[in-house]
N, C-alpha and C. Protein backbone atom coordinates (compact mmCIF):
# COMPACT_ATOMS: atom_id res chain seq x y z
N MET A 1 -61.07 -58.84 -168.03
CA MET A 1 -60.55 -60.24 -166.89
C MET A 1 -62.11 -60.38 -166.37
N PHE A 2 -63.01 -59.79 -165.97
CA PHE A 2 -64.07 -60.26 -165.34
C PHE A 2 -64.82 -60.74 -166.85
N LYS A 3 -65.40 -60.56 -167.54
CA LYS A 3 -66.17 -61.62 -168.75
C LYS A 3 -65.27 -63.14 -168.86
N ILE A 4 -64.07 -63.15 -168.85
CA ILE A 4 -63.24 -64.15 -168.62
C ILE A 4 -63.43 -65.02 -167.62
N PHE A 5 -63.77 -64.70 -166.49
CA PHE A 5 -64.14 -65.16 -165.46
C PHE A 5 -65.29 -65.89 -165.27
N HIS A 6 -66.52 -65.07 -165.96
CA HIS A 6 -67.99 -65.06 -166.17
C HIS A 6 -67.97 -66.97 -167.14
N ILE A 7 -67.18 -66.24 -167.99
CA ILE A 7 -66.86 -67.75 -169.00
C ILE A 7 -66.63 -69.25 -168.09
N PHE A 8 -65.11 -68.72 -167.57
CA PHE A 8 -64.58 -69.81 -166.70
C PHE A 8 -66.05 -70.24 -165.68
N ILE A 9 -66.68 -69.33 -165.08
CA ILE A 9 -67.55 -70.06 -164.13
C ILE A 9 -68.73 -70.49 -164.40
N MET A 10 -68.87 -70.36 -166.01
CA MET A 10 -70.49 -70.64 -166.89
C MET A 10 -69.78 -72.83 -167.52
N VAL A 11 -68.52 -72.76 -167.78
CA VAL A 11 -68.13 -74.18 -167.70
C VAL A 11 -68.05 -74.63 -167.31
N LEU A 12 -67.65 -74.15 -165.56
CA LEU A 12 -67.59 -75.34 -164.56
C LEU A 12 -69.27 -75.59 -164.67
N ILE A 13 -69.96 -74.48 -164.44
CA ILE A 13 -71.93 -75.38 -164.17
C ILE A 13 -71.98 -75.78 -164.95
N LEU A 14 -72.04 -75.54 -166.89
CA LEU A 14 -72.48 -76.64 -167.63
C LEU A 14 -71.95 -77.98 -167.45
N PHE A 15 -70.97 -78.04 -167.27
CA PHE A 15 -69.57 -79.13 -167.55
C PHE A 15 -69.71 -79.95 -166.23
N GLY A 16 -69.37 -79.76 -165.49
CA GLY A 16 -69.40 -79.60 -163.95
C GLY A 16 -67.64 -80.48 -163.70
N VAL A 17 -67.23 -80.85 -162.64
CA VAL A 17 -65.66 -80.92 -162.53
C VAL A 17 -66.20 -82.29 -161.83
N GLN A 18 -65.32 -83.16 -161.86
CA GLN A 18 -65.59 -84.88 -161.89
C GLN A 18 -65.09 -84.40 -160.49
N ASP A 19 -65.77 -85.30 -159.71
CA ASP A 19 -65.09 -85.20 -158.04
C ASP A 19 -65.41 -86.83 -157.70
N VAL A 20 -64.08 -86.94 -157.57
CA VAL A 20 -63.77 -88.41 -157.10
C VAL A 20 -64.57 -89.06 -155.67
N TYR A 21 -65.06 -88.06 -154.94
CA TYR A 21 -65.87 -88.66 -153.64
C TYR A 21 -67.39 -88.34 -154.22
N ALA A 22 -67.85 -88.27 -155.03
CA ALA A 22 -68.93 -88.68 -155.19
C ALA A 22 -70.07 -89.31 -155.20
N ARG A 23 -69.11 -90.81 -155.39
CA ARG A 23 -70.20 -91.90 -155.26
C ARG A 23 -71.11 -91.62 -153.85
N GLY A 24 -71.76 -92.09 -153.75
CA GLY A 24 -73.17 -92.11 -153.13
C GLY A 24 -73.94 -91.14 -152.64
N LYS A 25 -73.45 -89.83 -153.24
CA LYS A 25 -73.99 -88.46 -152.92
C LYS A 25 -75.21 -88.16 -154.18
N SER A 26 -75.77 -87.36 -152.89
CA SER A 26 -77.20 -87.49 -153.41
C SER A 26 -76.65 -86.17 -154.41
N THR A 27 -77.82 -85.75 -155.60
CA THR A 27 -77.82 -84.40 -156.56
C THR A 27 -77.29 -83.56 -156.03
N ILE A 28 -78.73 -83.33 -154.94
CA ILE A 28 -78.45 -81.79 -154.23
C ILE A 28 -77.43 -82.01 -152.96
N GLU A 29 -76.59 -82.85 -152.56
CA GLU A 29 -75.03 -82.74 -152.15
C GLU A 29 -74.30 -82.03 -152.82
N LYS A 30 -74.34 -82.95 -154.76
CA LYS A 30 -73.23 -82.28 -155.16
C LYS A 30 -73.08 -81.04 -155.71
N ILE A 31 -74.35 -80.78 -155.84
CA ILE A 31 -74.15 -79.22 -156.11
C ILE A 31 -74.27 -78.28 -154.59
N GLY A 32 -74.37 -78.82 -153.70
CA GLY A 32 -73.74 -77.95 -152.43
C GLY A 32 -72.36 -78.18 -152.49
N ASP A 33 -71.76 -78.91 -152.76
CA ASP A 33 -70.26 -78.73 -153.09
C ASP A 33 -69.83 -78.14 -153.62
N TYR A 34 -70.34 -77.91 -155.10
CA TYR A 34 -69.76 -76.93 -155.97
C TYR A 34 -70.24 -75.73 -155.86
N THR A 35 -71.00 -75.29 -155.10
CA THR A 35 -71.81 -73.81 -154.68
C THR A 35 -70.57 -73.90 -153.93
N GLN A 36 -70.35 -74.48 -152.93
CA GLN A 36 -69.75 -74.17 -151.95
C GLN A 36 -68.26 -73.03 -152.26
N VAL A 37 -68.03 -73.22 -153.93
CA VAL A 37 -66.01 -73.26 -154.42
C VAL A 37 -66.80 -72.10 -155.23
N ILE A 38 -67.90 -72.32 -156.15
CA ILE A 38 -68.39 -71.64 -157.27
C ILE A 38 -68.26 -69.95 -156.93
N VAL A 39 -69.13 -69.83 -155.12
CA VAL A 39 -69.68 -68.71 -155.15
C VAL A 39 -68.69 -67.76 -153.99
N PRO A 40 -67.78 -68.00 -153.90
CA PRO A 40 -66.39 -67.44 -153.20
C PRO A 40 -65.20 -67.45 -154.56
N ALA A 41 -65.27 -68.37 -155.13
CA ALA A 41 -64.68 -68.08 -156.71
C ALA A 41 -64.87 -67.01 -157.64
N TYR A 42 -66.66 -67.04 -157.35
CA TYR A 42 -67.08 -65.87 -158.26
C TYR A 42 -66.70 -64.45 -157.78
N ALA A 43 -66.62 -64.45 -156.51
CA ALA A 43 -66.59 -63.26 -155.59
C ALA A 43 -65.16 -62.70 -155.81
N PHE A 44 -63.86 -63.74 -155.57
CA PHE A 44 -62.79 -63.60 -155.82
C PHE A 44 -62.87 -63.03 -157.25
N GLY A 45 -63.40 -63.47 -158.20
CA GLY A 45 -63.24 -63.29 -159.05
C GLY A 45 -63.61 -61.49 -159.45
N MET A 46 -64.40 -61.16 -158.88
CA MET A 46 -64.86 -59.71 -158.68
C MET A 46 -64.03 -58.77 -158.18
N ALA A 47 -63.52 -59.31 -156.82
CA ALA A 47 -62.36 -58.25 -156.39
C ALA A 47 -61.14 -58.60 -157.23
N ILE A 48 -60.76 -59.70 -157.82
CA ILE A 48 -59.13 -59.48 -158.79
C ILE A 48 -59.44 -58.45 -160.25
N SER A 49 -60.73 -58.69 -160.37
CA SER A 49 -60.62 -58.08 -161.48
C SER A 49 -60.89 -56.39 -161.42
N GLU A 50 -61.08 -55.47 -160.16
CA GLU A 50 -60.37 -54.43 -159.97
C GLU A 50 -59.50 -53.95 -159.94
N GLU A 51 -59.31 -52.38 -160.52
CA GLU A 51 -57.73 -51.84 -160.73
C GLU A 51 -57.26 -51.93 -158.95
N GLY A 52 -56.27 -51.95 -159.27
CA GLY A 52 -55.69 -52.54 -157.59
C GLY A 52 -55.33 -53.75 -156.84
N TRP A 53 -55.30 -53.87 -155.52
CA TRP A 53 -55.50 -54.77 -154.94
C TRP A 53 -56.25 -55.05 -153.51
N THR A 54 -56.66 -53.97 -153.32
CA THR A 54 -57.72 -53.43 -152.35
C THR A 54 -58.70 -54.70 -152.28
N GLY A 55 -59.87 -54.56 -153.36
CA GLY A 55 -60.95 -55.97 -152.95
C GLY A 55 -60.26 -57.16 -152.62
N ALA A 56 -59.45 -57.80 -153.36
CA ALA A 56 -58.45 -59.29 -153.56
C ALA A 56 -58.05 -59.19 -151.53
N LYS A 57 -57.26 -58.19 -151.08
CA LYS A 57 -57.16 -58.09 -150.18
C LYS A 57 -58.05 -58.59 -148.89
N GLN A 58 -59.24 -57.14 -149.14
CA GLN A 58 -60.54 -57.53 -148.36
C GLN A 58 -61.21 -58.89 -147.97
N PHE A 59 -60.84 -59.37 -149.40
CA PHE A 59 -61.49 -60.78 -149.63
C PHE A 59 -60.64 -61.89 -148.87
N ALA A 60 -59.26 -61.88 -149.40
CA ALA A 60 -58.95 -62.19 -148.55
C ALA A 60 -58.70 -62.40 -147.25
N TYR A 61 -58.40 -61.58 -146.67
CA TYR A 61 -58.49 -61.47 -144.56
C TYR A 61 -60.24 -62.26 -144.19
N SER A 62 -61.25 -62.00 -145.03
CA SER A 62 -62.06 -61.92 -144.87
C SER A 62 -62.79 -63.21 -144.59
N PHE A 63 -61.76 -64.08 -145.79
CA PHE A 63 -62.06 -65.69 -145.82
C PHE A 63 -61.19 -65.93 -145.17
N GLY A 64 -60.40 -65.47 -144.82
CA GLY A 64 -59.08 -66.40 -143.89
C GLY A 64 -59.04 -66.38 -143.06
N THR A 65 -60.28 -65.48 -142.26
CA THR A 65 -60.66 -65.48 -140.95
C THR A 65 -61.67 -66.01 -140.25
N MET A 66 -62.53 -66.62 -141.55
CA MET A 66 -63.81 -66.95 -141.61
C MET A 66 -63.33 -68.37 -141.73
N GLU A 67 -62.72 -68.79 -142.58
CA GLU A 67 -61.91 -70.50 -142.20
C GLU A 67 -61.33 -70.95 -140.75
N ALA A 68 -60.24 -69.75 -140.36
CA ALA A 68 -59.75 -69.94 -139.02
C ALA A 68 -60.97 -69.98 -138.16
N THR A 69 -61.76 -69.13 -138.19
CA THR A 69 -62.81 -69.32 -137.11
C THR A 69 -63.81 -70.25 -137.64
N VAL A 70 -63.91 -70.93 -138.28
CA VAL A 70 -64.59 -72.29 -138.07
C VAL A 70 -64.36 -73.14 -138.13
N TYR A 71 -63.15 -73.50 -138.67
CA TYR A 71 -62.32 -74.52 -137.85
C TYR A 71 -62.03 -74.93 -136.90
N GLY A 72 -61.81 -73.47 -136.08
CA GLY A 72 -61.34 -73.67 -135.15
C GLY A 72 -62.20 -74.11 -133.89
N LEU A 73 -63.76 -73.34 -134.23
CA LEU A 73 -64.79 -73.72 -133.70
C LEU A 73 -65.47 -75.17 -133.36
N LYS A 74 -64.79 -76.24 -134.98
CA LYS A 74 -65.19 -76.97 -134.99
C LYS A 74 -64.33 -77.95 -134.43
N TYR A 75 -63.26 -77.52 -134.36
CA TYR A 75 -62.17 -78.70 -133.09
C TYR A 75 -62.53 -78.03 -131.55
N ALA A 76 -63.13 -77.09 -131.45
CA ALA A 76 -63.47 -76.76 -129.78
C ALA A 76 -64.60 -77.03 -129.31
N VAL A 77 -65.79 -76.96 -130.33
CA VAL A 77 -67.45 -77.32 -129.76
C VAL A 77 -67.48 -79.27 -130.13
N GLU A 78 -66.59 -79.73 -130.90
CA GLU A 78 -67.19 -81.21 -131.44
C GLU A 78 -68.43 -81.78 -131.39
N GLU A 79 -69.34 -80.64 -131.75
CA GLU A 79 -70.37 -81.38 -132.28
C GLU A 79 -70.84 -82.48 -133.25
N ARG A 80 -71.38 -83.69 -132.50
CA ARG A 80 -71.62 -84.72 -133.57
C ARG A 80 -72.91 -84.36 -134.37
N ARG A 81 -72.47 -84.91 -135.64
CA ARG A 81 -73.46 -84.49 -136.97
C ARG A 81 -74.80 -85.47 -136.68
N PRO A 82 -75.47 -85.21 -137.78
CA PRO A 82 -76.83 -85.73 -137.95
C PRO A 82 -76.80 -87.08 -137.80
N ASN A 83 -75.50 -87.45 -138.95
CA ASN A 83 -75.42 -88.61 -139.55
C ASN A 83 -74.50 -90.05 -138.82
N LYS A 84 -73.63 -88.83 -137.57
CA LYS A 84 -73.06 -89.31 -136.88
C LYS A 84 -71.74 -89.98 -137.44
N ALA A 85 -71.62 -89.24 -138.28
CA ALA A 85 -69.67 -89.66 -138.66
C ALA A 85 -68.50 -89.20 -138.13
N ASP A 86 -69.34 -88.00 -137.74
CA ASP A 86 -67.67 -87.63 -136.73
C ASP A 86 -68.35 -86.33 -135.87
N ASN A 87 -67.37 -85.55 -135.06
CA ASN A 87 -67.71 -84.46 -133.80
C ASN A 87 -67.44 -83.03 -134.57
N ARG A 88 -67.43 -82.80 -136.00
CA ARG A 88 -67.10 -81.77 -136.44
C ARG A 88 -68.31 -81.09 -137.28
N SER A 89 -69.43 -81.32 -136.35
CA SER A 89 -70.33 -80.75 -137.30
C SER A 89 -71.00 -79.32 -137.44
N PHE A 90 -70.12 -78.23 -136.25
CA PHE A 90 -70.65 -77.01 -136.05
C PHE A 90 -69.75 -76.78 -135.75
N PRO A 91 -69.75 -75.28 -137.13
CA PRO A 91 -70.08 -74.96 -137.63
C PRO A 91 -70.08 -75.09 -139.02
N SER A 92 -70.87 -75.23 -140.22
CA SER A 92 -70.95 -75.86 -141.63
C SER A 92 -70.07 -74.76 -142.01
N GLY A 93 -68.81 -75.50 -142.47
CA GLY A 93 -67.41 -74.48 -143.22
C GLY A 93 -67.78 -75.08 -145.22
N HIS A 94 -69.42 -75.49 -145.32
CA HIS A 94 -69.40 -75.65 -146.59
C HIS A 94 -70.65 -74.38 -146.82
N THR A 95 -71.42 -74.09 -145.91
CA THR A 95 -72.33 -73.07 -145.63
C THR A 95 -71.41 -71.39 -145.56
N ALA A 96 -70.54 -71.72 -144.73
CA ALA A 96 -69.76 -70.46 -144.64
C ALA A 96 -68.77 -70.03 -145.72
N SER A 97 -68.67 -70.64 -146.09
CA SER A 97 -67.50 -70.97 -147.39
C SER A 97 -68.59 -70.08 -148.75
N ALA A 98 -69.30 -70.59 -148.59
CA ALA A 98 -70.35 -70.15 -149.76
C ALA A 98 -70.97 -68.10 -149.52
N PHE A 99 -71.51 -68.68 -148.09
CA PHE A 99 -71.59 -66.95 -147.63
C PHE A 99 -71.04 -66.23 -147.27
N SER A 100 -69.67 -66.90 -147.82
CA SER A 100 -68.57 -65.56 -147.17
C SER A 100 -68.06 -64.66 -148.48
N GLY A 101 -68.64 -65.48 -149.68
CA GLY A 101 -69.09 -64.93 -151.30
C GLY A 101 -69.78 -63.96 -151.22
N ALA A 102 -70.99 -64.82 -150.83
CA ALA A 102 -71.99 -63.66 -150.84
C ALA A 102 -72.13 -62.79 -150.65
N THR A 103 -71.19 -62.70 -149.30
CA THR A 103 -71.72 -61.04 -148.29
C THR A 103 -70.47 -60.39 -148.28
N PHE A 104 -69.48 -60.84 -149.52
CA PHE A 104 -68.29 -60.16 -149.58
C PHE A 104 -68.76 -59.13 -150.53
N ILE A 105 -69.92 -59.93 -152.02
CA ILE A 105 -70.12 -59.21 -153.24
C ILE A 105 -71.24 -58.21 -152.20
N HIS A 106 -71.61 -58.95 -151.33
CA HIS A 106 -73.15 -57.82 -150.30
C HIS A 106 -71.98 -56.27 -149.86
N ALA A 107 -71.12 -56.94 -149.27
CA ALA A 107 -70.76 -55.28 -148.86
C ALA A 107 -69.67 -54.38 -149.73
N ARG A 108 -68.99 -54.87 -150.46
CA ARG A 108 -68.29 -54.19 -151.43
C ARG A 108 -69.05 -53.80 -152.38
N TYR A 109 -69.74 -54.53 -153.03
CA TYR A 109 -70.64 -53.99 -154.36
C TYR A 109 -72.15 -53.43 -154.05
N GLY A 110 -72.58 -53.65 -153.31
CA GLY A 110 -74.08 -53.64 -153.05
C GLY A 110 -74.96 -54.98 -153.10
N LEU A 111 -76.48 -55.02 -152.98
CA LEU A 111 -77.26 -56.02 -152.40
C LEU A 111 -77.58 -56.70 -154.29
N MET A 112 -77.73 -55.86 -155.37
CA MET A 112 -78.39 -56.32 -156.31
C MET A 112 -77.43 -57.24 -157.10
N PRO A 113 -75.98 -57.49 -156.88
CA PRO A 113 -74.91 -58.29 -157.30
C PRO A 113 -74.74 -59.17 -156.54
N ALA A 114 -75.41 -59.08 -155.57
CA ALA A 114 -75.37 -60.33 -154.24
C ALA A 114 -76.63 -61.33 -154.43
N VAL A 115 -77.59 -60.98 -154.86
CA VAL A 115 -78.32 -61.85 -155.06
C VAL A 115 -79.18 -63.22 -155.39
N VAL A 116 -78.13 -63.28 -156.70
CA VAL A 116 -77.90 -64.98 -157.04
C VAL A 116 -76.71 -65.33 -155.97
N PRO A 117 -75.69 -64.87 -155.92
CA PRO A 117 -74.62 -65.77 -154.54
C PRO A 117 -75.67 -66.00 -153.44
N TYR A 118 -76.34 -64.91 -152.95
CA TYR A 118 -77.03 -65.50 -151.79
C TYR A 118 -78.05 -66.61 -152.26
N VAL A 119 -78.29 -66.73 -152.97
CA VAL A 119 -79.90 -67.95 -153.15
C VAL A 119 -78.75 -68.97 -153.63
N MET A 120 -77.77 -69.22 -154.28
CA MET A 120 -76.52 -70.23 -154.32
C MET A 120 -75.73 -70.92 -152.27
N ALA A 121 -75.84 -70.02 -152.06
CA ALA A 121 -75.11 -69.99 -150.92
C ALA A 121 -76.20 -70.47 -150.25
N GLY A 122 -77.75 -70.33 -150.07
CA GLY A 122 -78.84 -70.70 -149.40
C GLY A 122 -79.10 -71.63 -149.62
N PHE A 123 -79.14 -72.62 -150.79
CA PHE A 123 -78.78 -73.43 -151.73
C PHE A 123 -78.13 -74.84 -150.81
N THR A 124 -76.39 -74.29 -150.57
CA THR A 124 -75.47 -74.82 -150.12
C THR A 124 -76.02 -75.18 -148.82
N ALA A 125 -76.44 -74.74 -147.59
CA ALA A 125 -76.67 -74.19 -146.40
C ALA A 125 -77.96 -75.78 -146.92
N TYR A 126 -78.84 -75.43 -147.71
CA TYR A 126 -79.90 -76.71 -147.59
C TYR A 126 -79.16 -77.96 -147.90
N SER A 127 -78.61 -77.72 -148.94
CA SER A 127 -77.68 -79.11 -149.08
C SER A 127 -77.40 -79.75 -147.92
N ARG A 128 -76.73 -78.69 -147.04
CA ARG A 128 -75.58 -79.82 -145.81
C ARG A 128 -76.70 -80.13 -144.90
N ILE A 129 -78.17 -79.48 -144.82
CA ILE A 129 -78.92 -80.34 -143.81
C ILE A 129 -79.56 -81.55 -144.48
N HIS A 130 -80.06 -81.10 -145.79
CA HIS A 130 -80.64 -82.33 -146.72
C HIS A 130 -79.74 -83.53 -146.69
N ALA A 131 -78.17 -83.48 -147.02
CA ALA A 131 -77.54 -84.20 -147.13
C ALA A 131 -77.17 -85.11 -145.19
N ASN A 132 -77.71 -85.08 -144.39
CA ASN A 132 -77.82 -84.82 -143.06
C ASN A 132 -76.20 -84.96 -142.38
N LYS A 133 -75.45 -83.69 -143.07
CA LYS A 133 -74.49 -83.68 -142.50
C LYS A 133 -74.14 -82.87 -141.25
N HIS A 134 -74.99 -81.97 -141.26
CA HIS A 134 -75.81 -80.66 -140.19
C HIS A 134 -76.81 -80.85 -139.67
N TRP A 135 -76.73 -79.97 -138.87
CA TRP A 135 -78.07 -79.10 -137.96
C TRP A 135 -78.57 -78.16 -138.88
N TRP A 136 -79.29 -77.41 -138.68
CA TRP A 136 -79.77 -76.17 -138.94
C TRP A 136 -79.26 -75.13 -138.50
N TRP A 137 -78.68 -75.12 -137.29
CA TRP A 137 -77.84 -73.92 -136.59
C TRP A 137 -76.50 -74.40 -136.90
N ASP A 138 -75.83 -75.47 -137.08
CA ASP A 138 -74.71 -75.52 -137.67
C ASP A 138 -74.57 -74.18 -138.75
N THR A 139 -75.48 -74.57 -140.11
CA THR A 139 -75.34 -73.69 -140.92
C THR A 139 -76.10 -72.38 -141.07
N LEU A 140 -76.81 -71.85 -140.51
CA LEU A 140 -76.69 -70.42 -139.47
C LEU A 140 -75.91 -70.19 -138.78
N ALA A 141 -74.99 -70.73 -138.18
CA ALA A 141 -73.99 -70.39 -137.56
C ALA A 141 -72.63 -69.84 -138.53
N GLY A 142 -72.15 -70.84 -139.86
CA GLY A 142 -71.54 -70.77 -140.65
C GLY A 142 -71.81 -69.78 -141.69
N ALA A 143 -73.07 -69.05 -141.84
CA ALA A 143 -73.35 -67.79 -142.68
C ALA A 143 -73.17 -66.82 -141.70
N SER A 144 -73.48 -66.85 -140.31
CA SER A 144 -73.14 -65.89 -140.03
C SER A 144 -71.95 -65.42 -139.99
N ILE A 145 -70.95 -66.27 -139.40
CA ILE A 145 -69.62 -65.52 -139.46
C ILE A 145 -69.15 -65.54 -140.79
N ALA A 146 -69.95 -66.16 -141.39
CA ALA A 146 -69.23 -65.30 -142.72
C ALA A 146 -69.95 -63.95 -143.34
N GLY A 147 -70.58 -63.72 -142.74
CA GLY A 147 -71.27 -62.39 -142.79
C GLY A 147 -70.51 -61.34 -142.00
N ILE A 148 -70.17 -62.28 -140.79
CA ILE A 148 -69.19 -60.79 -139.38
C ILE A 148 -67.70 -60.21 -140.39
N MET A 149 -67.28 -61.72 -140.47
CA MET A 149 -66.39 -61.45 -141.66
C MET A 149 -66.28 -60.03 -142.70
N SER A 150 -66.80 -60.74 -143.55
CA SER A 150 -67.30 -59.99 -144.37
C SER A 150 -67.73 -58.33 -144.20
N TYR A 151 -68.46 -58.15 -142.92
CA TYR A 151 -68.43 -56.46 -142.75
C TYR A 151 -67.40 -56.10 -142.14
N THR A 152 -66.74 -57.00 -141.18
CA THR A 152 -65.27 -56.54 -140.59
C THR A 152 -64.35 -56.01 -141.21
N PHE A 153 -64.23 -56.95 -142.40
CA PHE A 153 -63.04 -56.49 -143.45
C PHE A 153 -63.01 -56.14 -144.88
N VAL A 154 -64.24 -55.58 -144.96
CA VAL A 154 -64.69 -55.42 -146.60
C VAL A 154 -65.63 -53.88 -146.51
N ASP A 155 -64.45 -52.99 -147.28
CA ASP A 155 -65.15 -51.58 -147.19
C ASP A 155 -66.07 -51.79 -148.77
N ARG A 156 -66.98 -50.74 -148.86
CA ARG A 156 -68.09 -50.52 -149.62
C ARG A 156 -67.40 -50.03 -151.10
N ARG A 157 -66.90 -50.35 -151.80
CA ARG A 157 -66.69 -49.88 -153.55
C ARG A 157 -66.97 -48.72 -153.94
N ASN A 158 -66.60 -47.74 -154.05
CA ASN A 158 -66.90 -46.13 -154.70
C ASN A 158 -67.14 -46.80 -156.34
N GLY A 159 -67.75 -46.09 -156.81
CA GLY A 159 -67.92 -45.54 -158.23
C GLY A 159 -68.76 -46.73 -158.71
N VAL A 160 -69.69 -47.72 -157.66
CA VAL A 160 -70.36 -48.68 -158.54
C VAL A 160 -71.89 -48.79 -158.10
N SER A 161 -72.30 -48.96 -159.67
CA SER A 161 -73.39 -48.98 -160.13
C SER A 161 -73.72 -49.96 -160.03
N VAL A 162 -75.07 -50.17 -160.08
CA VAL A 162 -76.33 -51.74 -160.23
C VAL A 162 -77.32 -51.36 -161.42
N SER A 163 -77.07 -52.12 -162.53
CA SER A 163 -78.02 -52.30 -163.49
C SER A 163 -78.95 -53.78 -163.89
N ALA A 164 -79.96 -53.34 -164.16
CA ALA A 164 -80.81 -54.54 -164.26
C ALA A 164 -81.52 -54.23 -165.79
N SER A 165 -81.58 -55.49 -166.40
CA SER A 165 -82.34 -55.32 -167.57
C SER A 165 -82.29 -56.73 -168.09
N PRO A 166 -83.43 -56.78 -169.02
CA PRO A 166 -83.64 -58.66 -169.35
C PRO A 166 -82.47 -59.01 -169.77
N GLN A 167 -81.93 -58.24 -170.53
CA GLN A 167 -79.82 -58.65 -171.30
C GLN A 167 -79.12 -59.23 -170.34
N TYR A 168 -79.33 -58.52 -169.32
CA TYR A 168 -78.20 -58.33 -168.14
C TYR A 168 -78.36 -58.10 -166.88
N ILE A 169 -77.89 -58.69 -165.67
CA ILE A 169 -78.47 -58.75 -164.75
C ILE A 169 -76.49 -58.54 -163.73
N GLY A 170 -75.96 -57.56 -163.17
CA GLY A 170 -74.90 -57.70 -162.61
C GLY A 170 -74.22 -56.45 -161.56
N PHE A 171 -73.53 -56.16 -161.98
CA PHE A 171 -72.45 -54.90 -161.73
C PHE A 171 -72.36 -54.00 -162.45
N LYS A 172 -72.07 -52.82 -162.62
CA LYS A 172 -71.28 -52.10 -163.63
C LYS A 172 -69.87 -51.18 -162.86
N ALA A 173 -69.10 -51.28 -162.90
CA ALA A 173 -68.16 -50.59 -162.31
C ALA A 173 -67.98 -49.41 -163.19
N THR A 174 -67.23 -47.73 -162.81
CA THR A 174 -67.23 -46.92 -163.20
C THR A 174 -65.91 -46.53 -162.84
N PHE A 175 -65.28 -46.15 -163.78
CA PHE A 175 -64.07 -45.64 -163.07
C PHE A 175 -63.70 -44.37 -163.73
């Protein structure tokens, strides 16, 4: 199951998904739009590849409370975006979504499997600032909220060892 998920993610990355709202967006912004979905989808794929539902439930709790918190704050704070499009700048939902996946992986499986997702999440934050959709503190708040929710709801998985070699970098679950 886990290898099938890897293949699915690679297909998404290599061939892309047609975004009907992509007109006029820079390449950096388009990639940020993809990574805000790819990182949590990858984390959820790792969680559902476990035996039992513990990881998937923990991901759902952390992701769901992150989303509720982010959108609650967007409507409570009403901060103007740098491009003046609306008053929903704080905090960054794209950044929170990407960091939710990365911090879930870190909290559940350790740092090594989370390095690439953290890089992708960091790029997502950069893309939001680059696209003039968020201030830097919006992205910092989104990342912080995601981290707080992950470390609140996620337990470290027992029996996970990390391997790194020229052929493979990732995690290896031992049952």
